[in-house]
Amino acid sequence: MARFTSPSETRRQFALNLRHARERLGLSQEALADVAGLHRTYVGSVERGERNISIDNIARLAAALGVTASSLLEGPRQ
């Protein structure tokens, strides 16, 4: 059975996954924001785990990175 994670833990994991996916593509936060149709400061605050991001924006960021939304929410492999 899956272990419950706190909302802040989920945001931190999402932020880490987002940053790693962005860096693997060699994109700046500004470039990712441009492709996703979001503001650069918004992407920065998401990467710092400061935002409780909507599912719509998760989908926009995933599409811009060429990954699935679920991959951005995955926890560390055990």
N, C-alpha and C. Protein backbone atom coordinates (compact mmCIF):
# COMPACT_ATOMS: atom_id res chain seq x y z
N MET A 1 0.84 -1.17 0.00
CA MET A 1 0.00 0.00 0.00
C MET A 1 0.89 1.25 0.00
N ALA A 2 0.44 2.29 -0.69
CA ALA A 2 1.22 3.52 -0.81
C ALA A 2 1.24 4.27 0.52
N ARG A 3 2.38 4.86 0.78
CA ARG A 3 2.55 5.67 1.99
C ARG A 3 2.02 7.07 1.73
N PHE A 4 1.27 7.62 2.69
CA PHE A 4 0.75 8.98 2.56
C PHE A 4 1.91 9.96 2.69
N THR A 5 1.94 10.94 1.80
CA THR A 5 2.94 12.00 1.90
C THR A 5 2.23 13.31 2.17
N SER A 6 2.85 14.16 2.93
CA SER A 6 2.25 15.45 3.25
C SER A 6 2.26 16.33 2.01
N PRO A 7 1.34 17.29 1.94
CA PRO A 7 1.34 18.20 0.79
C PRO A 7 2.68 18.90 0.58
N SER A 8 3.33 19.33 1.65
CA SER A 8 4.61 20.03 1.48
C SER A 8 5.68 19.06 0.97
N GLU A 9 5.64 17.81 1.37
CA GLU A 9 6.59 16.81 0.88
C GLU A 9 6.35 16.58 -0.61
N THR A 10 5.10 16.53 -1.01
CA THR A 10 4.75 16.35 -2.42
C THR A 10 5.23 17.54 -3.24
N ARG A 11 5.03 18.76 -2.74
CA ARG A 11 5.52 19.95 -3.45
C ARG A 11 7.03 19.93 -3.59
N ARG A 12 7.74 19.53 -2.54
CA ARG A 12 9.21 19.47 -2.62
C ARG A 12 9.67 18.45 -3.66
N GLN A 13 9.02 17.29 -3.69
CA GLN A 13 9.39 16.27 -4.67
C GLN A 13 9.08 16.75 -6.09
N PHE A 14 7.92 17.37 -6.28
CA PHE A 14 7.57 17.91 -7.58
C PHE A 14 8.60 18.95 -8.02
N ALA A 15 8.96 19.84 -7.10
CA ALA A 15 9.93 20.89 -7.41
C ALA A 15 11.27 20.29 -7.83
N LEU A 16 11.72 19.28 -7.12
CA LEU A 16 12.98 18.62 -7.45
C LEU A 16 12.90 17.94 -8.82
N ASN A 17 11.82 17.22 -9.08
CA ASN A 17 11.65 16.56 -10.37
C ASN A 17 11.58 17.56 -11.51
N LEU A 18 10.89 18.66 -11.29
CA LEU A 18 10.77 19.70 -12.30
C LEU A 18 12.14 20.29 -12.63
N ARG A 19 12.89 20.64 -11.60
CA ARG A 19 14.22 21.22 -11.80
C ARG A 19 15.14 20.25 -12.54
N HIS A 20 15.13 18.99 -12.14
CA HIS A 20 15.99 18.00 -12.80
C HIS A 20 15.61 17.82 -14.27
N ALA A 21 14.31 17.76 -14.56
CA ALA A 21 13.85 17.61 -15.95
C ALA A 21 14.25 18.83 -16.78
N ARG A 22 14.12 20.02 -16.20
CA ARG A 22 14.49 21.25 -16.90
C ARG A 22 15.98 21.28 -17.17
N GLU A 23 16.77 20.94 -16.17
CA GLU A 23 18.23 20.98 -16.32
C GLU A 23 18.73 19.93 -17.30
N ARG A 24 18.08 18.74 -17.34
CA ARG A 24 18.46 17.71 -18.31
C ARG A 24 18.33 18.22 -19.74
N LEU A 25 17.37 19.12 -19.98
CA LEU A 25 17.17 19.69 -21.31
C LEU A 25 18.02 20.94 -21.54
N GLY A 26 18.72 21.38 -20.50
CA GLY A 26 19.55 22.58 -20.63
C GLY A 26 18.73 23.86 -20.75
N LEU A 27 17.54 23.86 -20.17
CA LEU A 27 16.67 25.03 -20.23
C LEU A 27 16.82 25.90 -18.99
N SER A 28 16.74 27.18 -19.17
CA SER A 28 16.64 28.10 -18.04
C SER A 28 15.19 28.12 -17.57
N GLN A 29 14.97 28.65 -16.40
CA GLN A 29 13.59 28.81 -15.92
C GLN A 29 12.81 29.70 -16.89
N GLU A 30 13.46 30.73 -17.39
CA GLU A 30 12.80 31.65 -18.32
C GLU A 30 12.41 30.94 -19.61
N ALA A 31 13.29 30.10 -20.14
CA ALA A 31 12.98 29.37 -21.38
C ALA A 31 11.83 28.39 -21.15
N LEU A 32 11.86 27.67 -20.02
CA LEU A 32 10.77 26.74 -19.71
C LEU A 32 9.46 27.50 -19.58
N ALA A 33 9.49 28.60 -18.88
CA ALA A 33 8.28 29.41 -18.70
C ALA A 33 7.72 29.86 -20.05
N ASP A 34 8.60 30.27 -20.95
CA ASP A 34 8.17 30.73 -22.27
C ASP A 34 7.49 29.61 -23.04
N VAL A 35 8.09 28.42 -23.06
CA VAL A 35 7.52 27.29 -23.78
C VAL A 35 6.19 26.86 -23.16
N ALA A 36 6.10 26.92 -21.84
CA ALA A 36 4.89 26.49 -21.13
C ALA A 36 3.81 27.57 -21.09
N GLY A 37 4.15 28.79 -21.48
CA GLY A 37 3.18 29.88 -21.43
C GLY A 37 2.92 30.38 -20.02
N LEU A 38 3.96 30.32 -19.19
CA LEU A 38 3.86 30.77 -17.80
C LEU A 38 4.89 31.87 -17.55
N HIS A 39 4.77 32.56 -16.44
CA HIS A 39 5.72 33.62 -16.10
C HIS A 39 6.96 33.01 -15.44
N ARG A 40 8.12 33.59 -15.73
CA ARG A 40 9.39 33.10 -15.20
C ARG A 40 9.40 33.06 -13.67
N THR A 41 8.87 34.08 -13.03
CA THR A 41 8.88 34.09 -11.56
C THR A 41 7.97 33.01 -10.99
N TYR A 42 6.91 32.68 -11.72
CA TYR A 42 6.02 31.59 -11.29
C TYR A 42 6.77 30.27 -11.33
N VAL A 43 7.49 30.00 -12.42
CA VAL A 43 8.25 28.75 -12.54
C VAL A 43 9.29 28.69 -11.43
N GLY A 44 9.96 29.79 -11.14
CA GLY A 44 10.94 29.81 -10.05
C GLY A 44 10.33 29.48 -8.71
N SER A 45 9.15 30.03 -8.43
CA SER A 45 8.52 29.76 -7.14
C SER A 45 8.01 28.32 -7.06
N VAL A 46 7.61 27.75 -8.20
CA VAL A 46 7.22 26.33 -8.23
C VAL A 46 8.44 25.47 -7.92
N GLU A 47 9.58 25.79 -8.54
CA GLU A 47 10.80 25.02 -8.31
C GLU A 47 11.31 25.13 -6.87
N ARG A 48 10.95 26.17 -6.18
CA ARG A 48 11.33 26.31 -4.78
C ARG A 48 10.29 25.68 -3.85
N GLY A 49 9.22 25.12 -4.42
CA GLY A 49 8.18 24.48 -3.62
C GLY A 49 7.28 25.46 -2.89
N GLU A 50 7.24 26.70 -3.35
CA GLU A 50 6.45 27.73 -2.69
C GLU A 50 5.00 27.78 -3.17
N ARG A 51 4.72 27.16 -4.29
CA ARG A 51 3.39 27.22 -4.89
C ARG A 51 2.67 25.89 -4.80
N ASN A 52 1.40 25.95 -4.54
CA ASN A 52 0.53 24.78 -4.64
C ASN A 52 -0.03 24.82 -6.06
N ILE A 53 0.69 24.22 -6.98
CA ILE A 53 0.44 24.35 -8.41
C ILE A 53 -0.81 23.59 -8.84
N SER A 54 -1.53 24.13 -9.82
CA SER A 54 -2.75 23.48 -10.33
C SER A 54 -2.39 22.35 -11.28
N ILE A 55 -3.32 21.44 -11.44
CA ILE A 55 -3.12 20.31 -12.36
C ILE A 55 -2.95 20.83 -13.79
N ASP A 56 -3.61 21.91 -14.14
CA ASP A 56 -3.47 22.49 -15.48
C ASP A 56 -2.03 22.94 -15.72
N ASN A 57 -1.43 23.58 -14.74
CA ASN A 57 -0.05 24.04 -14.90
C ASN A 57 0.96 22.90 -14.81
N ILE A 58 0.63 21.86 -14.06
CA ILE A 58 1.48 20.66 -14.07
C ILE A 58 1.51 20.10 -15.49
N ALA A 59 0.35 20.01 -16.12
CA ALA A 59 0.26 19.49 -17.48
C ALA A 59 1.01 20.38 -18.47
N ARG A 60 0.93 21.69 -18.31
CA ARG A 60 1.64 22.62 -19.20
C ARG A 60 3.15 22.44 -19.07
N LEU A 61 3.64 22.34 -17.85
CA LEU A 61 5.07 22.17 -17.63
C LEU A 61 5.55 20.81 -18.15
N ALA A 62 4.77 19.77 -17.90
CA ALA A 62 5.14 18.44 -18.39
C ALA A 62 5.23 18.43 -19.91
N ALA A 63 4.25 19.01 -20.57
CA ALA A 63 4.26 19.06 -22.03
C ALA A 63 5.46 19.84 -22.54
N ALA A 64 5.78 20.95 -21.90
CA ALA A 64 6.93 21.76 -22.31
C ALA A 64 8.24 21.01 -22.15
N LEU A 65 8.28 20.10 -21.17
CA LEU A 65 9.50 19.31 -20.91
C LEU A 65 9.51 17.99 -21.67
N GLY A 66 8.38 17.64 -22.28
CA GLY A 66 8.30 16.37 -23.00
C GLY A 66 8.27 15.16 -22.08
N VAL A 67 7.70 15.33 -20.90
CA VAL A 67 7.58 14.24 -19.93
C VAL A 67 6.11 14.10 -19.53
N THR A 68 5.79 13.04 -18.83
CA THR A 68 4.42 12.89 -18.33
C THR A 68 4.25 13.68 -17.03
N ALA A 69 3.03 14.10 -16.80
CA ALA A 69 2.73 14.79 -15.54
C ALA A 69 3.04 13.87 -14.36
N SER A 70 2.73 12.60 -14.51
CA SER A 70 2.97 11.67 -13.40
C SER A 70 4.45 11.55 -13.06
N SER A 71 5.32 11.67 -14.06
CA SER A 71 6.75 11.58 -13.77
C SER A 71 7.23 12.74 -12.90
N LEU A 72 6.57 13.87 -13.00
CA LEU A 72 6.94 15.02 -12.18
C LEU A 72 6.50 14.86 -10.73
N LEU A 73 5.57 13.93 -10.51
CA LEU A 73 5.04 13.70 -9.15
C LEU A 73 5.65 12.47 -8.49
N GLU A 74 6.45 11.72 -9.21
CA GLU A 74 7.03 10.49 -8.64
C GLU A 74 7.97 10.79 -7.50
N GLY A 75 7.89 9.94 -6.49
CA GLY A 75 8.81 10.05 -5.37
C GLY A 75 10.12 9.35 -5.69
N PRO A 76 11.06 9.42 -4.79
CA PRO A 76 12.35 8.75 -5.01
C PRO A 76 12.15 7.24 -5.08
N ARG A 77 12.96 6.60 -5.89
CA ARG A 77 12.88 5.14 -6.00
C ARG A 77 13.48 4.50 -4.77
N GLN A 78 12.79 3.50 -4.26
CA GLN A 78 13.21 2.82 -3.04
C GLN A 78 14.14 1.68 -3.36
